[in-house]
Amino acid sequence: MIELTLPQGARVSDALAAVADQSPFAWLDLAQMPVGVWGEQVPRERLLAAHDRVELYRPLQRDPKEARVERARAQERARSSERGRAGDS
């Protein structure tokens, strides 16, 4: 998180321009990323209010539902493996 002090009347685009060359944002294509304020996607022209939190939305690497199913399967395999070892004693 980076805190910025911007002039009255600043827009989301002004905040993005202010951090565009700073780490970790320098490697991101800010012009192509959807943006939001406090969890709501907004246009870059939106005026900012004091203490607004500008958010960048990246595409998901994995579908959350699929990831949850995979974790559940892995946990079940681990439990089955533990049960098998307990029966070996």
Protein backbone atom coordinates (compact mmCIF):
# COMPACT_ATOMS: atom_id res chain seq x y z
CA MET A 1 0.00 0.00 0.00
CA ILE A 2 1.22 3.46 -0.86
CA GLU A 3 -0.26 6.59 0.68
CA LEU A 4 -0.47 9.60 -1.60
CA THR A 5 -1.22 13.24 -1.05
CA LEU A 6 -2.99 14.57 -4.12
CA PRO A 7 -4.50 17.98 -4.76
CA GLN A 8 -8.21 18.67 -4.37
CA GLY A 9 -10.02 17.54 -7.52
CA ALA A 10 -7.64 14.64 -8.21
CA ARG A 11 -9.02 11.71 -10.13
CA VAL A 12 -8.26 8.00 -10.10
CA SER A 13 -6.08 8.55 -13.17
CA ASP A 14 -4.00 11.09 -11.22
CA ALA A 15 -3.37 8.54 -8.47
CA LEU A 16 -2.32 5.95 -11.04
CA ALA A 17 0.03 8.41 -12.72
CA ALA A 18 1.59 9.22 -9.34
CA VAL A 19 2.56 5.59 -8.71
CA ALA A 20 3.19 4.40 -12.27
CA ASP A 21 7.00 4.41 -11.93
CA GLN A 22 7.14 3.16 -8.33
CA SER A 23 7.67 -0.40 -7.22
CA PRO A 24 5.64 -2.64 -7.33
CA PHE A 25 3.53 -0.81 -9.91
CA ALA A 26 6.25 -0.08 -12.48
CA TRP A 27 5.98 -3.56 -14.03
CA LEU A 28 2.16 -3.42 -14.30
CA ASP A 29 0.28 -2.15 -17.33
CA LEU A 30 -1.87 0.27 -15.34
CA ALA A 31 -3.58 1.57 -18.47
CA GLN A 32 -5.14 -1.86 -19.10
CA MET A 33 -6.06 -2.85 -15.56
CA PRO A 34 -9.55 -2.33 -14.19
CA VAL A 35 -9.55 -0.02 -11.18
CA GLY A 36 -11.83 0.54 -8.25
CA VAL A 37 -12.37 2.50 -5.08
CA TRP A 38 -13.32 0.63 -1.91
CA GLY A 39 -14.29 -2.54 -3.76
CA GLU A 40 -16.35 -0.94 -6.51
CA GLN A 41 -15.04 -0.76 -10.06
CA VAL A 42 -14.94 2.85 -11.23
CA PRO A 43 -13.87 4.82 -14.31
CA ARG A 44 -10.48 6.52 -14.22
CA GLU A 45 -12.20 9.91 -14.41
CA ARG A 46 -13.83 9.43 -11.00
CA LEU A 47 -13.01 12.19 -8.51
CA LEU A 48 -11.26 11.04 -5.37
CA ALA A 49 -12.28 11.98 -1.85
CA ALA A 50 -10.00 12.16 1.17
CA HIS A 51 -8.86 8.70 2.30
CA ASP A 52 -10.20 6.88 -0.77
CA ARG A 53 -8.46 3.58 -1.45
CA VAL A 54 -7.72 3.08 -5.14
CA GLU A 55 -7.54 -0.60 -6.06
CA LEU A 56 -6.10 -2.40 -9.08
CA TYR A 57 -7.87 -5.53 -10.25
CA ARG A 58 -5.70 -8.22 -11.83
CA PRO A 59 -7.11 -11.26 -13.60
CA LEU A 60 -7.41 -14.34 -11.40
CA GLN A 61 -4.61 -16.87 -11.80
CA ARG A 62 -7.00 -19.70 -10.91
CA ASP A 63 -10.73 -20.08 -10.61
CA PRO A 64 -11.49 -19.89 -6.86
CA LYS A 65 -14.02 -22.72 -7.08
CA GLU A 66 -11.53 -25.02 -8.79
CA ALA A 67 -8.84 -24.13 -6.24
CA ARG A 68 -11.22 -24.95 -3.38
CA VAL A 69 -12.08 -28.34 -4.93
CA GLU A 70 -8.38 -29.13 -5.42
CA ARG A 71 -7.60 -28.24 -1.78
CA ALA A 72 -10.45 -30.45 -0.56
CA ARG A 73 -9.20 -33.36 -2.69
CA ALA A 74 -5.65 -32.90 -1.38
CA GLN A 75 -6.89 -32.85 2.21
CA GLU A 76 -8.92 -36.01 1.63
CA ARG A 77 -5.87 -37.75 0.11
CA ALA A 78 -3.80 -36.71 3.14
CA ARG A 79 -6.45 -38.04 5.54
CA SER A 80 -6.69 -41.31 3.60
CA SER A 81 -2.92 -41.64 3.67
CA GLU A 82 -2.84 -41.04 7.44
CA ARG A 83 -5.56 -43.63 7.99
CA GLY A 84 -3.59 -46.13 5.92
CA ARG A 85 -0.43 -45.54 7.96
CA ALA A 86 -2.36 -45.84 11.24
CA GLY A 87 -3.65 -49.24 10.14
CA ASP A 88 -0.08 -50.42 9.40
CA SER A 89 0.93 -50.29 13.09
